[in-house]
Amino acid sequence: MAIPPGRYTLGPDDATLTVRTRKAGAASKAGHNLRIEVTEWRATLDVADDPARTAMELTADARSLKVREGTGGAKSLDDDDKANIEQTIDDEVLEGAAIQFRSRRVAPGPNGTLTIEGDLELAGATRPVAFELTSGDDRRLRGSARIKQTDWGIKPYSALFGTLKVVDEVDVEIEGTLPA
């Protein structure tokens, strides 16, 4: 379904913004693949009759990332483990820097898909990123992008002398319902 023209605002009340990480290294059996939810964010999607005037913006609080799930580790993550991971993200990975996305180009595709190209500011660096956003007849909205941390100057987290590390590429996903 094509998204009807209008201004749509999304946030944690009607959508989720998720970061998924994967583990690697010789000691990867000890680590976890993480599902991290951004709990403070806001996105606006301005859909115009003229696709060239359609735009998207998103801002997120880097300190609002919460570990929701860890799979594949030697033991389950408890609340203290999750809190320690969140603190590491705050102190060593993102350092509270702004997270912002602004589209430069939005192009309509088949079945209501929008191809969105823009600039992502992350950890003090701005780089281009592109992704597809789809909307179904049920007004559900979905999109995802794979982000390579080192492209933004972020050193992927590692432990145990580098034998356990987070894979450089992380997946960022948005899923929600368009407001009426």
Protein backbone atom coordinates (compact mmCIF):
# COMPACT_ATOMS: atom_id res chain seq x y z
CA MET A 1 0.00 0.00 0.00
CA ALA A 2 1.32 3.44 -0.86
CA ILE A 3 1.52 5.76 2.12
CA PRO A 4 -1.08 8.52 1.67
CA PRO A 5 0.22 12.10 1.60
CA GLY A 6 0.49 13.70 5.02
CA ARG A 7 2.77 14.20 7.99
CA TYR A 8 3.33 11.14 10.18
CA THR A 9 5.08 11.19 13.54
CA LEU A 10 6.36 8.00 15.12
CA GLY A 11 7.97 7.27 18.45
CA PRO A 12 8.11 4.64 21.18
CA ASP A 13 4.34 4.78 21.76
CA ASP A 14 3.47 3.42 18.30
CA ALA A 15 6.70 1.90 16.94
CA THR A 16 9.95 0.24 17.96
CA LEU A 17 13.46 1.23 16.95
CA THR A 18 15.79 -1.72 17.48
CA VAL A 19 19.51 -2.39 17.10
CA ARG A 20 20.63 -6.01 16.64
CA THR A 21 24.23 -7.03 17.21
CA ARG A 22 26.00 -10.31 16.49
CA LYS A 23 29.02 -11.87 18.17
CA ALA A 24 32.23 -13.27 16.68
CA GLY A 25 35.65 -14.50 17.68
CA ALA A 26 37.18 -17.61 19.22
CA ALA A 27 35.27 -17.06 22.49
CA SER A 28 31.98 -16.16 20.79
CA LYS A 29 30.17 -19.04 22.54
CA ALA A 30 30.46 -17.03 25.74
CA GLY A 31 28.88 -13.89 24.26
CA HIS A 32 25.39 -12.98 23.16
CA ASN A 33 23.65 -11.71 20.06
CA LEU A 34 21.78 -8.69 21.39
CA ARG A 35 18.43 -7.07 20.68
CA ILE A 36 18.66 -3.50 21.95
CA GLU A 37 15.68 -1.14 21.95
CA VAL A 38 15.99 2.64 21.62
CA THR A 39 13.47 3.92 24.16
CA GLU A 40 13.61 7.68 23.44
CA TRP A 41 13.30 8.67 19.78
CA ARG A 42 11.08 10.48 17.31
CA ALA A 43 10.69 10.22 13.55
CA THR A 44 8.68 12.32 11.12
CA LEU A 45 7.73 11.21 7.65
CA ASP A 46 6.39 13.94 5.38
CA VAL A 47 4.78 12.25 2.38
CA ALA A 48 4.05 14.68 -0.46
CA ASP A 49 2.10 14.21 -3.68
CA ASP A 50 5.41 14.94 -5.43
CA PRO A 51 7.87 12.21 -4.34
CA ALA A 52 10.76 14.66 -4.68
CA ARG A 53 9.29 16.60 -1.73
CA THR A 54 8.84 13.55 0.53
CA ALA A 55 11.22 13.60 3.52
CA MET A 56 12.08 11.71 6.68
CA GLU A 57 13.89 12.77 9.85
CA LEU A 58 14.72 10.81 12.98
CA THR A 59 16.39 11.76 16.25
CA ALA A 60 17.27 9.35 19.06
CA ASP A 61 18.74 9.66 22.53
CA ALA A 62 21.96 7.62 22.55
CA ARG A 63 21.62 7.10 26.30
CA SER A 64 18.20 5.45 25.95
CA LEU A 65 19.37 2.10 24.55
CA LYS A 66 18.05 -0.83 26.63
CA VAL A 67 19.11 -4.44 26.19
CA ARG A 68 15.90 -6.43 25.74
CA GLU A 69 17.32 -9.82 24.81
CA GLY A 70 20.58 -11.73 24.58
CA THR A 71 20.67 -15.03 22.76
CA GLY A 72 23.33 -17.68 22.27
CA GLY A 73 25.54 -17.06 25.29
CA ALA A 74 27.07 -19.53 27.71
CA LYS A 75 24.53 -18.32 30.28
CA SER A 76 21.42 -16.17 30.20
CA LEU A 77 21.77 -12.43 30.65
CA ASP A 78 20.47 -11.21 34.00
CA ASP A 79 19.47 -7.63 34.84
CA ASP A 80 23.00 -6.78 36.05
CA ASP A 81 24.51 -8.06 32.77
CA LYS A 82 22.06 -5.95 30.76
CA ALA A 83 22.80 -2.87 32.88
CA ASN A 84 26.57 -3.39 32.40
CA ILE A 85 26.15 -3.67 28.61
CA GLU A 86 24.02 -0.50 28.55
CA GLN A 87 26.67 1.34 30.62
CA THR A 88 29.41 0.18 28.23
CA ILE A 89 27.40 1.45 25.25
CA ASP A 90 26.98 4.82 27.02
CA ASP A 91 30.58 5.16 28.21
CA GLU A 92 32.67 3.48 25.52
CA VAL A 93 30.70 3.08 22.30
CA LEU A 94 28.28 5.97 21.67
CA GLU A 95 29.42 8.26 24.50
CA GLY A 96 26.03 9.99 24.52
CA ALA A 97 26.63 11.58 21.10
CA ALA A 98 23.69 12.71 18.99
CA ILE A 99 21.91 10.24 16.73
CA GLN A 100 20.12 11.94 13.83
CA PHE A 101 18.98 10.94 10.36
CA ARG A 102 17.83 13.30 7.60
CA SER A 103 16.76 12.11 4.19
CA ARG A 104 18.24 13.63 1.05
CA ARG A 105 16.16 11.62 -1.42
CA VAL A 106 13.00 9.51 -1.15
CA ALA A 107 11.89 7.49 -4.16
CA PRO A 108 8.70 5.45 -4.45
CA GLY A 109 9.03 1.78 -5.34
CA PRO A 110 6.68 -1.12 -5.97
CA ASN A 111 3.87 -1.99 -3.55
CA GLY A 112 4.17 1.21 -1.53
CA THR A 113 7.86 0.81 -0.78
CA LEU A 114 9.93 3.96 -0.26
CA THR A 115 13.68 3.91 -0.89
CA ILE A 116 15.19 6.43 1.48
CA GLU A 117 18.70 7.86 1.15
CA GLY A 118 20.09 10.29 3.65
CA ASP A 119 22.72 11.18 6.20
CA LEU A 120 23.11 9.50 9.59
CA GLU A 121 24.93 11.36 12.35
CA LEU A 122 26.30 8.87 14.84
CA ALA A 123 29.13 9.15 17.38
CA GLY A 124 30.10 12.57 16.04
CA ALA A 125 30.43 11.51 12.40
CA THR A 126 27.96 11.85 9.51
CA ARG A 127 27.81 9.28 6.73
CA PRO A 128 25.31 8.33 4.00
CA VAL A 129 22.90 5.47 4.55
CA ALA A 130 20.04 4.01 2.49
CA PHE A 131 17.16 1.71 3.36
CA GLU A 132 13.69 0.68 2.26
CA LEU A 133 10.53 1.49 4.17
CA THR A 134 7.43 -0.58 3.47
CA SER A 135 3.83 -0.13 4.50
CA GLY A 136 1.12 -2.77 4.26
CA ASP A 137 -2.65 -2.53 4.01
CA ASP A 138 -2.78 -2.79 7.82
CA ARG A 139 -0.79 0.50 8.07
CA ARG A 140 2.18 -1.44 9.49
CA LEU A 141 5.47 0.23 8.67
CA ARG A 142 8.79 -1.64 8.48
CA GLY A 143 12.32 -0.74 7.54
CA SER A 144 15.88 -1.78 8.24
CA ALA A 145 19.44 -0.75 7.51
CA ARG A 146 22.78 -2.44 8.10
CA ILE A 147 25.28 -0.05 9.66
CA LYS A 148 29.03 -0.69 9.75
CA GLN A 149 30.25 0.81 13.03
CA THR A 150 33.78 1.58 11.81
CA ASP A 151 32.33 3.79 9.04
CA TRP A 152 31.34 6.17 11.87
CA GLY A 153 34.65 5.80 13.73
CA ILE A 154 33.18 3.41 16.31
CA LYS A 155 35.48 0.60 17.38
CA PRO A 156 33.32 -2.52 17.79
CA TYR A 157 33.30 -3.72 21.38
CA SER A 158 35.63 -6.61 22.24
CA ALA A 159 36.57 -8.51 25.39
CA LEU A 160 38.79 -11.36 26.50
CA PHE A 161 41.78 -9.95 24.61
CA GLY A 162 39.76 -9.69 21.39
CA THR A 163 38.59 -13.30 21.37
CA LEU A 164 34.99 -12.13 21.94
CA LYS A 165 33.80 -9.22 19.85
CA VAL A 166 30.75 -7.56 18.39
CA VAL A 167 30.57 -7.90 14.61
CA ASP A 168 31.26 -4.55 12.88
CA GLU A 169 27.90 -4.55 11.10
CA VAL A 170 24.76 -4.02 13.20
CA ASP A 171 21.16 -4.01 12.00
CA VAL A 172 18.88 -1.09 12.79
CA GLU A 173 15.16 -1.79 12.41
CA ILE A 174 12.02 0.28 12.70
CA GLU A 175 8.58 -1.26 12.94
CA GLY A 176 5.28 0.31 13.87
CA THR A 177 1.86 1.46 12.84
CA LEU A 178 1.26 4.67 10.88
CA PRO A 179 -1.04 7.03 12.76
CA ALA A 180 -4.45 7.50 11.14
